[in-house]
Structure formats: C-alpha cells, structure tokens
Amino acid sequence: MFVRSVLFIILVLCLTMYLSPTLTGVTFAAIIPVCIFAIVFSRKIRSLTRTMQDEKANMSSVAEESFSNVRTVKAFANELQECAKFAKGNEITLDVGLT
C-alpha cells in the first residue's frame, strides 16, 4: 500500500512537471509556507493545551480538597473562601483558554 502510494505521488509529480512546470513550482512554493505555519501553530496549540490542562488539574485539586474536608470547612465557616479559591482558579483557566 505504501509503495503504491509513493509511486502514485511520483507519477503525478512527473505528469504535472511535464504539463506545466511553472504551475508545479508555484504549488510547491505555496506548500512550504503552509507547512511551516502548520508546524509552528501546532506547537503553540500543544503548549496552550498543556497549560490549560495543568490549570484544570489545579482547579480539580482545590475542589477535591474542599469536598473531602467539607466538615472542617463548615466548622470554620470557610465556604466563601473556598468558593473564592475555586472562582480564582476558574478565571485563570478561562484566561489561558482565551489566549
């Protein structure tokens, strides 16, 4: 299957070079910047996704701590502080997602 695909690509390139070398050159000249842009963009997206996943993990840990220690939170009347911590983490995650 791979050999057939490679042979097909080579034959198509030879045919396009035979029919119109100028058009083939323009096509290759356009493909190179698009490939470079795709590589740079995918790296940027991967980095942003990793950062966003880290922030979501931080938010989950804050929520898990609050839920596991709900009696302690209620005993010291810290519900508003825990909600504020979660809201702050949520805003940070939103900011990362919007960038």
PDB file of N, CA and C in Angstrom:
ATOM      1  N   MET A   1       0.831  -1.189   0.000  1.00  0.00           N
ATOM      2  CA  MET A   1       0.000   0.000   0.000  1.00  0.00           C
ATOM      3  C   MET A   1       0.878   1.256   0.000  1.00  0.00           C
ATOM      4  N   PHE A   2       1.918   1.237   0.842  1.00  0.00           N
ATOM      5  CA  PHE A   2       2.825   2.391   0.919  1.00  0.00           C
ATOM      6  C   PHE A   2       3.552   2.593  -0.401  1.00  0.00           C
ATOM      7  N   VAL A   3       4.056   1.497  -0.987  1.00  0.00           N
ATOM      8  CA  VAL A   3       4.797   1.584  -2.252  1.00  0.00           C
ATOM      9  C   VAL A   3       3.879   2.100  -3.355  1.00  0.00           C
ATOM     10  N   ARG A   4       2.633   1.630  -3.354  1.00  0.00           N
ATOM     11  CA  ARG A   4       1.681   2.092  -4.367  1.00  0.00           C
ATOM     12  C   ARG A   4       1.425   3.588  -4.234  1.00  0.00           C
ATOM     13  N   SER A   5       1.283   4.064  -3.005  1.00  0.00           N
ATOM     14  CA  SER A   5       1.039   5.492  -2.776  1.00  0.00           C
ATOM     15  C   SER A   5       2.240   6.327  -3.189  1.00  0.00           C
ATOM     16  N   VAL A   6       3.436   5.871  -2.867  1.00  0.00           N
ATOM     17  CA  VAL A   6       4.643   6.613  -3.232  1.00  0.00           C
ATOM     18  C   VAL A   6       4.791   6.662  -4.750  1.00  0.00           C
ATOM     19  N   LEU A   7       4.560   5.541  -5.415  1.00  0.00           N
ATOM     20  CA  LEU A   7       4.630   5.522  -6.881  1.00  0.00           C
ATOM     21  C   LEU A   7       3.586   6.450  -7.500  1.00  0.00           C
ATOM     22  N   PHE A   8       2.397   6.471  -6.921  1.00  0.00           N
ATOM     23  CA  PHE A   8       1.341   7.352  -7.415  1.00  0.00           C
ATOM     24  C   PHE A   8       1.762   8.813  -7.287  1.00  0.00           C
ATOM     25  N   ILE A   9       2.325   9.183  -6.147  1.00  0.00           N
ATOM     26  CA  ILE A   9       2.771  10.564  -5.935  1.00  0.00           C
ATOM     27  C   ILE A   9       3.869  10.926  -6.929  1.00  0.00           C
ATOM     28  N   ILE A  10       4.812  10.042  -7.121  1.00  0.00           N
ATOM     29  CA  ILE A  10       5.908  10.309  -8.061  1.00  0.00           C
ATOM     30  C   ILE A  10       5.371  10.470  -9.484  1.00  0.00           C
ATOM     31  N   LEU A  11       4.471   9.604  -9.886  1.00  0.00           N
ATOM     32  CA  LEU A  11       3.902   9.703 -11.223  1.00  0.00           C
ATOM     33  C   LEU A  11       3.105  10.996 -11.414  1.00  0.00           C
ATOM     34  N   VAL A  12       2.340  11.376 -10.415  1.00  0.00           N
ATOM     35  CA  VAL A  12       1.571  12.613 -10.504  1.00  0.00           C
ATOM     36  C   VAL A  12       2.510  13.813 -10.593  1.00  0.00           C
ATOM     37  N   LEU A  13       3.579  13.815  -9.812  1.00  0.00           N
ATOM     38  CA  LEU A  13       4.543  14.918  -9.888  1.00  0.00           C
ATOM     39  C   LEU A  13       5.214  14.986 -11.256  1.00  0.00           C
ATOM     40  N   CYS A  14       5.570  13.833 -11.802  1.00  0.00           N
ATOM     41  CA  CYS A  14       6.175  13.812 -13.133  1.00  0.00           C
ATOM     42  C   CYS A  14       5.193  14.327 -14.182  1.00  0.00           C
ATOM     43  N   LEU A  15       3.942  13.927 -14.064  1.00  0.00           N
ATOM     44  CA  LEU A  15       2.932  14.367 -15.023  1.00  0.00           C
ATOM     45  C   LEU A  15       2.704  15.872 -14.927  1.00  0.00           C
ATOM     46  N   THR A  16       2.601  16.398 -13.712  1.00  0.00           N
ATOM     47  CA  THR A  16       2.395  17.843 -13.573  1.00  0.00           C
ATOM     48  C   THR A  16       3.621  18.632 -14.037  1.00  0.00           C
ATOM     49  N   MET A  17       4.813  18.097 -13.808  1.00  0.00           N
ATOM     50  CA  MET A  17       6.029  18.770 -14.314  1.00  0.00           C
ATOM     51  C   MET A  17       6.039  18.768 -15.838  1.00  0.00           C
ATOM     52  N   TYR A  18       5.569  17.697 -16.433  1.00  0.00           N
ATOM     53  CA  TYR A  18       5.536  17.603 -17.890  1.00  0.00           C
ATOM     54  C   TYR A  18       4.505  18.577 -18.466  1.00  0.00           C
ATOM     55  N   LEU A  19       3.319  18.657 -17.803  1.00  0.00           N
ATOM     56  CA  LEU A  19       2.256  19.509 -18.325  1.00  0.00           C
ATOM     57  C   LEU A  19       2.518  20.983 -18.071  1.00  0.00           C
ATOM     58  N   SER A  20       2.932  21.321 -16.854  1.00  0.00           N
ATOM     59  CA  SER A  20       3.149  22.734 -16.528  1.00  0.00           C
ATOM     60  C   SER A  20       4.182  22.858 -15.414  1.00  0.00           C
ATOM     61  N   PRO A  21       5.447  23.039 -15.785  1.00  0.00           N
ATOM     62  CA  PRO A  21       6.482  23.193 -14.758  1.00  0.00           C
ATOM     63  C   PRO A  21       6.280  24.436 -13.888  1.00  0.00           C
ATOM     64  N   THR A  22       5.751  25.495 -14.475  1.00  0.00           N
ATOM     65  CA  THR A  22       5.521  26.734 -13.721  1.00  0.00           C
ATOM     66  C   THR A  22       4.476  26.517 -12.628  1.00  0.00           C
ATOM     67  N   LEU A  23       3.381  25.874 -12.995  1.00  0.00           N
ATOM     68  CA  LEU A  23       2.319  25.613 -12.020  1.00  0.00           C
ATOM     69  C   LEU A  23       2.807  24.683 -10.910  1.00  0.00           C
ATOM     70  N   THR A  24       3.609  23.708 -11.273  1.00  0.00           N
ATOM     71  CA  THR A  24       4.172  22.804 -10.274  1.00  0.00           C
ATOM     72  C   THR A  24       5.077  23.565  -9.310  1.00  0.00           C
ATOM     73  N   GLY A  25       5.900  24.464  -9.832  1.00  0.00           N
ATOM     74  CA  GLY A  25       6.777  25.285  -8.981  1.00  0.00           C
ATOM     75  C   GLY A  25       5.999  26.193  -8.056  1.00  0.00           C
ATOM     76  N   VAL A  26       4.954  26.816  -8.581  1.00  0.00           N
ATOM     77  CA  VAL A  26       4.117  27.687  -7.748  1.00  0.00           C
ATOM     78  C   VAL A  26       3.437  26.880  -6.642  1.00  0.00           C
ATOM     79  N   THR A  27       2.981  25.685  -6.989  1.00  0.00           N
ATOM     80  CA  THR A  27       2.331  24.832  -5.990  1.00  0.00           C
ATOM     81  C   THR A  27       3.286  24.468  -4.872  1.00  0.00           C
ATOM     82  N   PHE A  28       4.514  24.064  -5.241  1.00  0.00           N
ATOM     83  CA  PHE A  28       5.498  23.740  -4.207  1.00  0.00           C
ATOM     84  C   PHE A  28       5.898  24.968  -3.399  1.00  0.00           C
ATOM     85  N   ALA A  29       5.969  26.129  -4.059  1.00  0.00           N
ATOM     86  CA  ALA A  29       6.305  27.365  -3.343  1.00  0.00           C
ATOM     87  C   ALA A  29       5.209  27.729  -2.339  1.00  0.00           C
ATOM     88  N   ALA A  30       3.965  27.375  -2.626  1.00  0.00           N
ATOM     89  CA  ALA A  30       2.862  27.684  -1.712  1.00  0.00           C
ATOM     90  C   ALA A  30       2.761  26.655  -0.593  1.00  0.00           C
ATOM     91  N   ILE A  31       3.157  25.428  -0.870  1.00  0.00           N
ATOM     92  CA  ILE A  31       3.031  24.368   0.131  1.00  0.00           C
ATOM     93  C   ILE A  31       4.028  24.555   1.275  1.00  0.00           C
ATOM     94  N   ILE A  32       5.222  25.016   0.983  1.00  0.00           N
ATOM     95  CA  ILE A  32       6.268  25.147   2.004  1.00  0.00           C
ATOM     96  C   ILE A  32       5.867  26.119   3.119  1.00  0.00           C
ATOM     97  N   PRO A  33       5.411  27.356   2.811  1.00  0.00           N
ATOM     98  CA  PRO A  33       4.989  28.239   3.920  1.00  0.00           C
ATOM     99  C   PRO A  33       3.803  27.692   4.715  1.00  0.00           C
ATOM    100  N   VAL A  34       2.898  27.015   4.035  1.00  0.00           N
ATOM    101  CA  VAL A  34       1.744  26.446   4.739  1.00  0.00           C
ATOM    102  C   VAL A  34       2.208  25.370   5.719  1.00  0.00           C
ATOM    103  N   CYS A  35       3.140  24.541   5.308  1.00  0.00           N
ATOM    104  CA  CYS A  35       3.669  23.500   6.198  1.00  0.00           C
ATOM    105  C   CYS A  35       4.401  24.114   7.395  1.00  0.00           C
ATOM    106  N   ILE A  36       5.184  25.151   7.148  1.00  0.00           N
ATOM    107  CA  ILE A  36       5.906  25.823   8.243  1.00  0.00           C
ATOM    108  C   ILE A  36       4.908  26.436   9.226  1.00  0.00           C
ATOM    109  N   PHE A  37       3.878  27.105   8.703  1.00  0.00           N
ATOM    110  CA  PHE A  37       2.858  27.690   9.568  1.00  0.00           C
ATOM    111  C   PHE A  37       2.152  26.613  10.386  1.00  0.00           C
ATOM    112  N   ALA A  38       1.842  25.486   9.763  1.00  0.00           N
ATOM    113  CA  ALA A  38       1.154  24.397  10.466  1.00  0.00           C
ATOM    114  C   ALA A  38       2.007  23.850  11.600  1.00  0.00           C
ATOM    115  N   ILE A  39       3.298  23.718  11.383  1.00  0.00           N
ATOM    116  CA  ILE A  39       4.194  23.212  12.425  1.00  0.00           C
ATOM    117  C   ILE A  39       4.258  24.182  13.603  1.00  0.00           C
ATOM    118  N   VAL A  40       4.440  25.470  13.302  1.00  0.00           N
ATOM    119  CA  VAL A  40       4.529  26.481  14.365  1.00  0.00           C
ATOM    120  C   VAL A  40       3.210  26.568  15.134  1.00  0.00           C
ATOM    121  N   PHE A  41       2.102  26.565  14.408  1.00  0.00           N
ATOM    122  CA  PHE A  41       0.789  26.679  15.043  1.00  0.00           C
ATOM    123  C   PHE A  41       0.497  25.469  15.920  1.00  0.00           C
ATOM    124  N   SER A  42       0.839  24.272  15.446  1.00  0.00           N
ATOM    125  CA  SER A  42       0.565  23.075  16.243  1.00  0.00           C
ATOM    126  C   SER A  42       1.383  23.053  17.526  1.00  0.00           C
ATOM    127  N   ARG A  43       2.620  23.555  17.474  1.00  0.00           N
ATOM    128  CA  ARG A  43       3.426  23.629  18.697  1.00  0.00           C
ATOM    129  C   ARG A  43       2.824  24.611  19.690  1.00  0.00           C
ATOM    130  N   LYS A  44       2.348  25.739  19.185  1.00  0.00           N
ATOM    131  CA  LYS A  44       1.728  26.743  20.059  1.00  0.00           C
ATOM    132  C   LYS A  44       0.458  26.172  20.700  1.00  0.00           C
ATOM    133  N   ILE A  45      -0.368  25.508  19.915  1.00  0.00           N
ATOM    134  CA  ILE A  45      -1.600  24.926  20.439  1.00  0.00           C
ATOM    135  C   ILE A  45      -1.291  23.844  21.465  1.00  0.00           C
ATOM    136  N   ARG A  46      -0.268  23.026  21.195  1.00  0.00           N
ATOM    137  CA  ARG A  46       0.109  21.969  22.137  1.00  0.00           C
ATOM    138  C   ARG A  46       0.535  22.583  23.470  1.00  0.00           C
ATOM    139  N   SER A  47       1.301  23.665  23.406  1.00  0.00           N
ATOM    140  CA  SER A  47       1.757  24.330  24.630  1.00  0.00           C
ATOM    141  C   SER A  47       0.568  24.910  25.403  1.00  0.00           C
ATOM    142  N   LEU A  48      -0.347  25.571  24.704  1.00  0.00           N
ATOM    143  CA  LEU A  48      -1.515  26.141  25.368  1.00  0.00           C
ATOM    144  C   LEU A  48      -2.410  25.061  25.960  1.00  0.00           C
ATOM    145  N   THR A  49      -2.558  23.957  25.250  1.00  0.00           N
ATOM    146  CA  THR A  49      -3.382  22.860  25.759  1.00  0.00           C
ATOM    147  C   THR A  49      -2.780  22.273  27.022  1.00  0.00           C
ATOM    148  N   ARG A  50      -1.463  22.107  27.027  1.00  0.00           N
ATOM    149  CA  ARG A  50      -0.794  21.577  28.216  1.00  0.00           C
ATOM    150  C   ARG A  50      -0.984  22.517  29.401  1.00  0.00           C
ATOM    151  N   THR A  51      -0.842  23.816  29.175  1.00  0.00           N
ATOM    152  CA  THR A  51      -1.027  24.792  30.248  1.00  0.00           C
ATOM    153  C   THR A  51      -2.461  24.771  30.764  1.00  0.00           C
ATOM    154  N   MET A  52      -3.409  24.678  29.845  1.00  0.00           N
ATOM    155  CA  MET A  52      -4.812  24.653  30.255  1.00  0.00           C
ATOM    156  C   MET A  52      -5.133  23.383  31.054  1.00  0.00           C
ATOM    157  N   GLN A  53      -4.587  22.253  30.654  1.00  0.00           N
ATOM    158  CA  GLN A  53      -4.804  21.017  31.399  1.00  0.00           C
ATOM    159  C   GLN A  53      -4.210  21.110  32.802  1.00  0.00           C
ATOM    160  N   ASP A  54      -3.048  21.754  32.927  1.00  0.00           N
ATOM    161  CA  ASP A  54      -2.444  21.945  34.248  1.00  0.00           C
ATOM    162  C   ASP A  54      -3.334  22.805  35.139  1.00  0.00           C
ATOM    163  N   GLU A  55      -3.891  23.869  34.565  1.00  0.00           N
ATOM    164  CA  GLU A  55      -4.770  24.741  35.355  1.00  0.00           C
ATOM    165  C   GLU A  55      -6.051  24.008  35.760  1.00  0.00           C
ATOM    166  N   LYS A  56      -6.586  23.190  34.872  1.00  0.00           N
ATOM    167  CA  LYS A  56      -7.774  22.394  35.226  1.00  0.00           C
ATOM    168  C   LYS A  56      -7.453  21.414  36.350  1.00  0.00           C
ATOM    169  N   ALA A  57      -6.256  20.852  36.316  1.00  0.00           N
ATOM    170  CA  ALA A  57      -5.851  19.939  37.390  1.00  0.00           C
ATOM    171  C   ALA A  57      -5.757  20.681  38.711  1.00  0.00           C
ATOM    172  N   ASN A  58      -5.231  21.896  38.689  1.00  0.00           N
ATOM    173  CA  ASN A  58      -5.161  22.700  39.910  1.00  0.00           C
ATOM    174  C   ASN A  58      -6.563  22.996  40.448  1.00  0.00           C
ATOM    175  N   MET A  59      -7.483  23.335  39.546  1.00  0.00           N
ATOM    176  CA  MET A  59      -8.860  23.589  39.977  1.00  0.00           C
ATOM    177  C   MET A  59      -9.481  22.342  40.578  1.00  0.00           C
ATOM    178  N   SER A  60      -9.250  21.210  39.974  1.00  0.00           N
ATOM    179  CA  SER A  60      -9.811  19.958  40.483  1.00  0.00           C
ATOM    180  C   SER A  60      -9.266  19.626  41.865  1.00  0.00           C
ATOM    181  N   SER A  61      -7.984  19.899  42.083  1.00  0.00           N
ATOM    182  CA  SER A  61      -7.409  19.615  43.401  1.00  0.00           C
ATOM    183  C   SER A  61      -8.006  20.525  44.470  1.00  0.00           C
ATOM    184  N   VAL A  62      -8.251  21.787  44.127  1.00  0.00           N
ATOM    185  CA  VAL A  62      -8.885  22.703  45.085  1.00  0.00           C
ATOM    186  C   VAL A  62     -10.290  22.212  45.421  1.00  0.00           C
ATOM    187  N   ALA A  63     -11.045  21.822  44.409  1.00  0.00           N
ATOM    188  CA  ALA A  63     -12.410  21.332  44.651  1.00  0.00           C
ATOM    189  C   ALA A  63     -12.388  20.033  45.450  1.00  0.00           C
ATOM    190  N   GLU A  64     -11.461  19.146  45.114  1.00  0.00           N
ATOM    191  CA  GLU A  64     -11.382  17.871  45.834  1.00  0.00           C
ATOM    192  C   GLU A  64     -11.036  18.079  47.306  1.00  0.00           C
ATOM    193  N   GLU A  65     -10.117  19.000  47.583  1.00  0.00           N
ATOM    194  CA  GLU A  65      -9.765  19.305  48.978  1.00  0.00           C
ATOM    195  C   GLU A  65     -10.986  19.810  49.735  1.00  0.00           C
ATOM    196  N   SER A  66     -11.721  20.706  49.097  1.00  0.00           N
ATOM    197  CA  SER A  66     -12.902  21.282  49.762  1.00  0.00           C
ATOM    198  C   SER A  66     -13.958  20.226  50.031  1.00  0.00           C
ATOM    199  N   PHE A  67     -14.186  19.354  49.037  1.00  0.00           N
ATOM    200  CA  PHE A  67     -15.220  18.336  49.214  1.00  0.00           C
ATOM    201  C   PHE A  67     -14.801  17.269  50.226  1.00  0.00           C
ATOM    202  N   SER A  68     -13.529  16.932  50.248  1.00  0.00           N
ATOM    203  CA  SER A  68     -13.091  15.898  51.187  1.00  0.00           C
ATOM    204  C   SER A  68     -13.060  16.416  52.626  1.00  0.00           C
ATOM    205  N   ASN A  69     -12.864  17.704  52.787  1.00  0.00           N
ATOM    206  CA  ASN A  69     -12.826  18.302  54.129  1.00  0.00           C
ATOM    207  C   ASN A  69     -14.043  19.187  54.367  1.00  0.00           C
ATOM    208  N   VAL A  70     -15.199  18.766  53.894  1.00  0.00           N
ATOM    209  CA  VAL A  70     -16.385  19.606  53.990  1.00  0.00           C
ATOM    210  C   VAL A  70     -16.777  19.893  55.446  1.00  0.00           C
ATOM    211  N   ARG A  71     -16.560  18.960  56.327  1.00  0.00           N
ATOM    212  CA  ARG A  71     -16.895  19.208  57.740  1.00  0.00           C
ATOM    213  C   ARG A  71     -15.996  20.279  58.337  1.00  0.00           C
ATOM    214  N   THR A  72     -14.712  20.222  58.013  1.00  0.00           N
ATOM    215  CA  THR A  72     -13.781  21.231  58.528  1.00  0.00           C
ATOM    216  C   THR A  72     -14.110  22.601  57.954  1.00  0.00           C
ATOM    217  N   VAL A  73     -14.426  22.641  56.661  1.00  0.00           N
ATOM    218  CA  VAL A  73     -14.768  23.915  56.018  1.00  0.00           C
ATOM    219  C   VAL A  73     -16.004  24.515  56.672  1.00  0.00           C
ATOM    220  N   LYS A  74     -17.000  23.682  56.919  1.00  0.00           N
ATOM    221  CA  LYS A  74     -18.217  24.186  57.552  1.00  0.00           C
ATOM    222  C   LYS A  74     -17.974  24.569  59.004  1.00  0.00           C
ATOM    223  N   ALA A  75     -17.126  23.836  59.701  1.00  0.00           N
ATOM    224  CA  ALA A  75     -16.868  24.123  61.112  1.00  0.00           C
ATOM    225  C   ALA A  75     -16.237  25.500  61.290  1.00  0.00           C
ATOM    226  N   PHE A  76     -15.361  25.865  60.364  1.00  0.00           N
ATOM    227  CA  PHE A  76     -14.698  27.168  60.474  1.00  0.00           C
ATOM    228  C   PHE A  76     -15.349  28.229  59.592  1.00  0.00           C
ATOM    229  N   ALA A  77     -16.497  27.931  58.995  1.00  0.00           N
ATOM    230  CA  ALA A  77     -17.258  28.869  58.154  1.00  0.00           C
ATOM    231  C   ALA A  77     -16.389  29.437  57.037  1.00  0.00           C
ATOM    232  N   ASN A  78     -15.695  28.548  56.333  1.00  0.00           N
ATOM    233  CA  ASN A  78     -14.811  28.974  55.242  1.00  0.00           C
ATOM    234  C   ASN A  78     -15.406  28.724  53.859  1.00  0.00           C
ATOM    235  N   GLU A  79     -16.727  28.598  53.762  1.00  0.00           N
ATOM    236  CA  GLU A  79     -17.336  28.304  52.473  1.00  0.00           C
ATOM    237  C   GLU A  79     -17.025  29.381  51.436  1.00  0.00           C
ATOM    238  N   LEU A  80     -17.117  30.634  51.855  1.00  0.00           N
ATOM    239  CA  LEU A  80     -16.876  31.734  50.917  1.00  0.00           C
ATOM    240  C   LEU A  80     -15.419  31.761  50.446  1.00  0.00           C
ATOM    241  N   GLN A  81     -14.494  31.459  51.345  1.00  0.00           N
ATOM    242  CA  GLN A  81     -13.079  31.437  50.952  1.00  0.00           C
ATOM    243  C   GLN A  81     -12.807  30.313  49.959  1.00  0.00           C
ATOM    244  N   GLU A  82     -13.414  29.150  50.182  1.00  0.00           N
ATOM    245  CA  GLU A  82     -13.226  28.021  49.262  1.00  0.00           C
ATOM    246  C   GLU A  82     -13.855  28.325  47.904  1.00  0.00           C
ATOM    247  N   CYS A  83     -15.006  28.975  47.928  1.00  0.00           N
ATOM    248  CA  CYS A  83     -15.636  29.371  46.659  1.00  0.00           C
ATOM    249  C   CYS A  83     -14.774  30.389  45.922  1.00  0.00           C
ATOM    250  N   ALA A  84     -14.167  31.302  46.675  1.00  0.00           N
ATOM    251  CA  ALA A  84     -13.287  32.301  46.052  1.00  0.00           C
ATOM    252  C   ALA A  84     -12.056  31.649  45.450  1.00  0.00           C
ATOM    253  N   LYS A  85     -11.485  30.645  46.145  1.00  0.00           N
ATOM    254  CA  LYS A  85     -10.328  29.924  45.585  1.00  0.00           C
ATOM    255  C   LYS A  85     -10.691  29.234  44.285  1.00  0.00           C
ATOM    256  N   PHE A  86     -11.852  28.595  44.275  1.00  0.00           N
ATOM    257  CA  PHE A  86     -12.288  27.894  43.068  1.00  0.00           C
ATOM    258  C   PHE A  86     -12.576  28.880  41.941  1.00  0.00           C
ATOM    259  N   ALA A  87     -13.200  30.007  42.263  1.00  0.00           N
ATOM    260  CA  ALA A  87     -13.505  31.023  41.245  1.00  0.00           C
ATOM    261  C   ALA A  87     -12.218  31.603  40.657  1.00  0.00           C
ATOM    262  N   LYS A  88     -11.208  31.809  41.512  1.00  0.00           N
ATOM    263  CA  LYS A  88      -9.932  32.325  41.024  1.00  0.00           C
ATOM    264  C   LYS A  88      -9.273  31.326  40.061  1.00  0.00           C
ATOM    265  N   GLY A  89      -9.287  30.068  40.432  1.00  0.00           N
ATOM    266  CA  GLY A  89      -8.738  29.038  39.546  1.00  0.00           C
ATOM    267  C   GLY A  89      -9.509  28.939  38.244  1.00  0.00           C
ATOM    268  N   ASN A  90     -10.833  29.104  38.332  1.00  0.00           N
ATOM    269  CA  ASN A  90     -11.673  29.077  37.145  1.00  0.00           C
ATOM    270  C   ASN A  90     -11.348  30.248  36.214  1.00  0.00           C
ATOM    271  N   GLU A  91     -11.118  31.426  36.773  1.00  0.00           N
ATOM    272  CA  GLU A  91     -10.758  32.592  35.965  1.00  0.00           C
ATOM    273  C   GLU A  91      -9.402  32.405  35.289  1.00  0.00           C
ATOM    274  N   ILE A  92      -8.454  31.835  36.007  1.00  0.00           N
ATOM    275  CA  ILE A  92      -7.131  31.586  35.424  1.00  0.00           C
ATOM    276  C   ILE A  92      -7.242  30.609  34.257  1.00  0.00           C
ATOM    277  N   THR A  93      -8.037  29.556  34.445  1.00  0.00           N
ATOM    278  CA  THR A  93      -8.240  28.580  33.372  1.00  0.00           C
ATOM    279  C   THR A  93      -8.934  29.213  32.174  1.00  0.00           C
ATOM    280  N   LEU A  94      -9.900  30.072  32.427  1.00  0.00           N
ATOM    281  CA  LEU A  94     -10.582  30.771  31.354  1.00  0.00           C
ATOM    282  C   LEU A  94      -9.624  31.686  30.593  1.00  0.00           C
ATOM    283  N   ASP A  95      -8.788  32.422  31.328  1.00  0.00           N
ATOM    284  CA  ASP A  95      -7.805  33.309  30.683  1.00  0.00           C
ATOM    285  C   ASP A  95      -6.841  32.526  29.798  1.00  0.00           C
ATOM    286  N   VAL A  96      -6.392  31.377  30.281  1.00  0.00           N
ATOM    287  CA  VAL A  96      -5.497  30.544  29.487  1.00  0.00           C
ATOM    288  C   VAL A  96      -6.207  30.040  28.242  1.00  0.00           C
ATOM    289  N   GLY A  97      -7.470  29.662  28.391  1.00  0.00           N
ATOM    290  CA  GLY A  97      -8.236  29.157  27.253  1.00  0.00           C
ATOM    291  C   GLY A  97      -8.531  30.233  26.217  1.00  0.00           C
ATOM    292  N   LEU A  98      -8.655  31.476  26.637  1.00  0.00           N
ATOM    293  CA  LEU A  98      -8.963  32.556  25.706  1.00  0.00           C
ATOM    294  C   LEU A  98      -7.742  33.090  24.978  1.00  0.00           C
ATOM    295  N   THR A  99      -6.538  32.765  25.462  1.00  0.00           N
ATOM    296  CA  THR A  99      -5.343  33.272  24.790  1.00  0.00           C
ATOM    297  C   THR A  99      -5.006  32.513  23.552  1.00  0.00           C
TER     298      THR A  99
END
